[in-house]
């Protein structure tokens, strides 16, 4: 009987470990790669988005179904006198299928603000 309880506890731990109340790191990494690719397209292939720093991570909504990440990043070298502390934000929404990025200020249109 004792073995059954241990087995159930181990199973419960694995199930709970698989449940995430925020977006997976791989989903966030995918959005960071998108920013880096957009920097290369807009600024040139020798530019990179580097040194991402998360400033704030918050939930919104009563059911915590929206997750916001405010961050900054640097360019590996100056572009029109801009090189560091470029602000950004990502918004993820929890759907039936899981978390999905619904806004990334580092998309191509948002990055055009670098040139203004």
C-alpha atoms as a PDB file:
ATOM      1  CA  UNK A   1       0.000   0.000   0.000  1.00  0.00           C
ATOM      2  CA  UNK A   2       2.846   2.351   0.815  1.00  0.00           C
ATOM      3  CA  UNK A   3       4.318   1.852  -2.675  1.00  0.00           C
ATOM      4  CA  UNK A   4       1.040   2.852  -4.279  1.00  0.00           C
ATOM      5  CA  UNK A   5       0.993   6.160  -2.389  1.00  0.00           C
ATOM      6  CA  UNK A   6       4.591   6.879  -3.320  1.00  0.00           C
ATOM      7  CA  UNK A   7       3.801   6.131  -6.946  1.00  0.00           C
ATOM      8  CA  UNK A   8       0.775   8.432  -6.890  1.00  0.00           C
ATOM      9  CA  UNK A   9       2.806  11.224  -5.298  1.00  0.00           C
ATOM     10  CA  UNK A  10       5.530  10.891  -7.932  1.00  0.00           C
ATOM     11  CA  UNK A  11       2.915  10.895 -10.698  1.00  0.00           C
ATOM     12  CA  UNK A  12       1.282  13.993  -9.224  1.00  0.00           C
ATOM     13  CA  UNK A  13       4.642  15.784  -9.072  1.00  0.00           C
ATOM     14  CA  UNK A  14       5.272  15.040 -12.765  1.00  0.00           C
ATOM     15  CA  UNK A  15       1.801  16.230 -13.739  1.00  0.00           C
ATOM     16  CA  UNK A  16       2.127  19.465 -11.777  1.00  0.00           C
ATOM     17  CA  UNK A  17       5.625  20.097 -13.123  1.00  0.00           C
ATOM     18  CA  UNK A  18       4.232  19.909 -16.654  1.00  0.00           C
ATOM     19  CA  UNK A  19       1.600  22.559 -15.937  1.00  0.00           C
ATOM     20  CA  UNK A  20       2.854  26.065 -16.477  1.00  0.00           C
ATOM     21  CA  UNK A  21       1.221  29.245 -15.341  1.00  0.00           C
ATOM     22  CA  UNK A  22       3.343  31.375 -17.675  1.00  0.00           C
ATOM     23  CA  UNK A  23       4.654  31.093 -21.238  1.00  0.00           C
ATOM     24  CA  UNK A  24       7.369  28.522 -21.838  1.00  0.00           C
ATOM     25  CA  UNK A  25      10.942  29.708 -22.156  1.00  0.00           C
ATOM     26  CA  UNK A  26      11.047  28.330 -25.691  1.00  0.00           C
ATOM     27  CA  UNK A  27       8.117  30.550 -26.707  1.00  0.00           C
ATOM     28  CA  UNK A  28       9.864  33.611 -25.261  1.00  0.00           C
ATOM     29  CA  UNK A  29      13.129  32.594 -26.968  1.00  0.00           C
ATOM     30  CA  UNK A  30      11.238  32.337 -30.265  1.00  0.00           C
ATOM     31  CA  UNK A  31      10.062  35.948 -29.864  1.00  0.00           C
ATOM     32  CA  UNK A  32      13.595  37.112 -29.000  1.00  0.00           C
ATOM     33  CA  UNK A  33      14.875  35.450 -32.196  1.00  0.00           C
ATOM     34  CA  UNK A  34      12.137  37.266 -34.109  1.00  0.00           C
ATOM     35  CA  UNK A  35      13.403  40.587 -32.719  1.00  0.00           C
ATOM     36  CA  UNK A  36      16.987  39.719 -33.669  1.00  0.00           C
ATOM     37  CA  UNK A  37      15.915  38.761 -37.213  1.00  0.00           C
ATOM     38  CA  UNK A  38      13.967  42.006 -37.575  1.00  0.00           C
ATOM     39  CA  UNK A  39      16.960  44.035 -36.363  1.00  0.00           C
ATOM     40  CA  UNK A  40      19.075  42.365 -39.053  1.00  0.00           C
ATOM     41  CA  UNK A  41      16.478  43.092 -41.747  1.00  0.00           C
ATOM     42  CA  UNK A  42      16.042  46.743 -40.783  1.00  0.00           C
ATOM     43  CA  UNK A  43      19.550  47.740 -39.682  1.00  0.00           C
ATOM     44  CA  UNK A  44      21.669  45.325 -41.712  1.00  0.00           C
ATOM     45  CA  UNK A  45      22.957  41.789 -41.413  1.00  0.00           C
ATOM     46  CA  UNK A  46      25.908  42.842 -39.250  1.00  0.00           C
ATOM     47  CA  UNK A  47      23.589  44.102 -36.475  1.00  0.00           C
ATOM     48  CA  UNK A  48      22.314  41.962 -33.613  1.00  0.00           C
ATOM     49  CA  UNK A  49      19.879  42.371 -30.734  1.00  0.00           C
ATOM     50  CA  UNK A  50      21.863  41.499 -27.604  1.00  0.00           C
ATOM     51  CA  UNK A  51      21.751  41.807 -23.807  1.00  0.00           C
ATOM     52  CA  UNK A  52      18.029  41.320 -23.270  1.00  0.00           C
ATOM     53  CA  UNK A  53      17.057  42.367 -19.746  1.00  0.00           C
ATOM     54  CA  UNK A  54      13.633  41.675 -18.305  1.00  0.00           C
ATOM     55  CA  UNK A  55      12.372  44.696 -16.393  1.00  0.00           C
ATOM     56  CA  UNK A  56       8.939  43.458 -15.402  1.00  0.00           C
ATOM     57  CA  UNK A  57       6.776  40.372 -15.742  1.00  0.00           C
ATOM     58  CA  UNK A  58       3.112  40.720 -14.810  1.00  0.00           C
ATOM     59  CA  UNK A  59      -0.211  38.991 -15.219  1.00  0.00           C
ATOM     60  CA  UNK A  60      -3.375  40.822 -16.134  1.00  0.00           C
ATOM     61  CA  UNK A  61      -6.938  39.673 -16.193  1.00  0.00           C
ATOM     62  CA  UNK A  62      -8.826  38.108 -13.333  1.00  0.00           C
ATOM     63  CA  UNK A  63      -7.941  34.622 -14.504  1.00  0.00           C
ATOM     64  CA  UNK A  64      -4.267  35.470 -15.127  1.00  0.00           C
ATOM     65  CA  UNK A  65      -4.739  34.693 -18.802  1.00  0.00           C
ATOM     66  CA  UNK A  66      -2.567  37.557 -20.073  1.00  0.00           C
ATOM     67  CA  UNK A  67       1.159  37.736 -19.341  1.00  0.00           C
ATOM     68  CA  UNK A  68       3.249  40.833 -20.113  1.00  0.00           C
ATOM     69  CA  UNK A  69       7.009  41.050 -20.274  1.00  0.00           C
ATOM     70  CA  UNK A  70       8.665  44.470 -20.400  1.00  0.00           C
ATOM     71  CA  UNK A  71      12.310  44.370 -21.408  1.00  0.00           C
ATOM     72  CA  UNK A  72      15.198  46.273 -22.899  1.00  0.00           C
ATOM     73  CA  UNK A  73      17.849  45.174 -25.336  1.00  0.00           C
ATOM     74  CA  UNK A  74      20.970  46.586 -26.901  1.00  0.00           C
ATOM     75  CA  UNK A  75      22.340  46.584 -30.411  1.00  0.00           C
ATOM     76  CA  UNK A  76      25.794  45.124 -30.871  1.00  0.00           C
ATOM     77  CA  UNK A  77      26.855  48.490 -32.377  1.00  0.00           C
ATOM     78  CA  UNK A  78      25.253  51.926 -32.755  1.00  0.00           C
ATOM     79  CA  UNK A  79      22.595  52.513 -35.374  1.00  0.00           C
ATOM     80  CA  UNK A  80      21.770  56.202 -35.950  1.00  0.00           C
ATOM     81  CA  UNK A  81      23.125  56.990 -32.453  1.00  0.00           C
ATOM     82  CA  UNK A  82      20.960  54.270 -30.857  1.00  0.00           C
ATOM     83  CA  UNK A  83      22.683  51.312 -29.277  1.00  0.00           C
ATOM     84  CA  UNK A  84      21.453  50.473 -25.788  1.00  0.00           C
ATOM     85  CA  UNK A  85      18.424  50.334 -23.568  1.00  0.00           C
ATOM     86  CA  UNK A  86      15.900  49.925 -26.377  1.00  0.00           C
ATOM     87  CA  UNK A  87      12.569  49.266 -24.649  1.00  0.00           C
ATOM     88  CA  UNK A  88      10.198  46.519 -25.662  1.00  0.00           C
ATOM     89  CA  UNK A  89       7.183  44.558 -24.573  1.00  0.00           C
ATOM     90  CA  UNK A  90       5.697  41.157 -25.298  1.00  0.00           C
ATOM     91  CA  UNK A  91       2.136  40.113 -24.501  1.00  0.00           C
ATOM     92  CA  UNK A  92       1.113  36.473 -24.254  1.00  0.00           C
ATOM     93  CA  UNK A  93      -2.442  35.201 -23.938  1.00  0.00           C
ATOM     94  CA  UNK A  94      -3.463  31.831 -22.614  1.00  0.00           C
ATOM     95  CA  UNK A  95      -5.691  30.014 -25.095  1.00  0.00           C
ATOM     96  CA  UNK A  96      -7.134  26.496 -25.152  1.00  0.00           C
ATOM     97  CA  UNK A  97      -4.015  25.280 -26.966  1.00  0.00           C
ATOM     98  CA  UNK A  98      -1.672  27.024 -24.538  1.00  0.00           C
ATOM     99  CA  UNK A  99       0.175  30.334 -24.429  1.00  0.00           C
ATOM    100  CA  UNK A 100       0.417  32.416 -27.615  1.00  0.00           C
ATOM    101  CA  UNK A 101       2.292  35.653 -28.262  1.00  0.00           C
ATOM    102  CA  UNK A 102      -0.282  38.263 -29.317  1.00  0.00           C
ATOM    103  CA  UNK A 103       2.003  41.322 -29.301  1.00  0.00           C
ATOM    104  CA  UNK A 104       5.728  41.846 -29.671  1.00  0.00           C
ATOM    105  CA  UNK A 105       6.926  45.452 -29.946  1.00  0.00           C
ATOM    106  CA  UNK A 106      10.033  44.099 -31.653  1.00  0.00           C
ATOM    107  CA  UNK A 107       8.128  43.140 -34.755  1.00  0.00           C
ATOM    108  CA  UNK A 108       9.225  44.784 -37.982  1.00  0.00           C
ATOM    109  CA  UNK A 109       6.750  47.681 -37.735  1.00  0.00           C
ATOM    110  CA  UNK A 110       7.691  48.450 -34.143  1.00  0.00           C
ATOM    111  CA  UNK A 111      11.388  48.440 -34.959  1.00  0.00           C
ATOM    112  CA  UNK A 112      10.885  51.076 -37.646  1.00  0.00           C
ATOM    113  CA  UNK A 113      10.675  53.455 -34.677  1.00  0.00           C
ATOM    114  CA  UNK A 114      14.459  53.086 -34.451  1.00  0.00           C
ATOM    115  CA  UNK A 115      14.799  55.082 -37.626  1.00  0.00           C
ATOM    116  CA  UNK A 116      12.478  57.946 -36.583  1.00  0.00           C
END
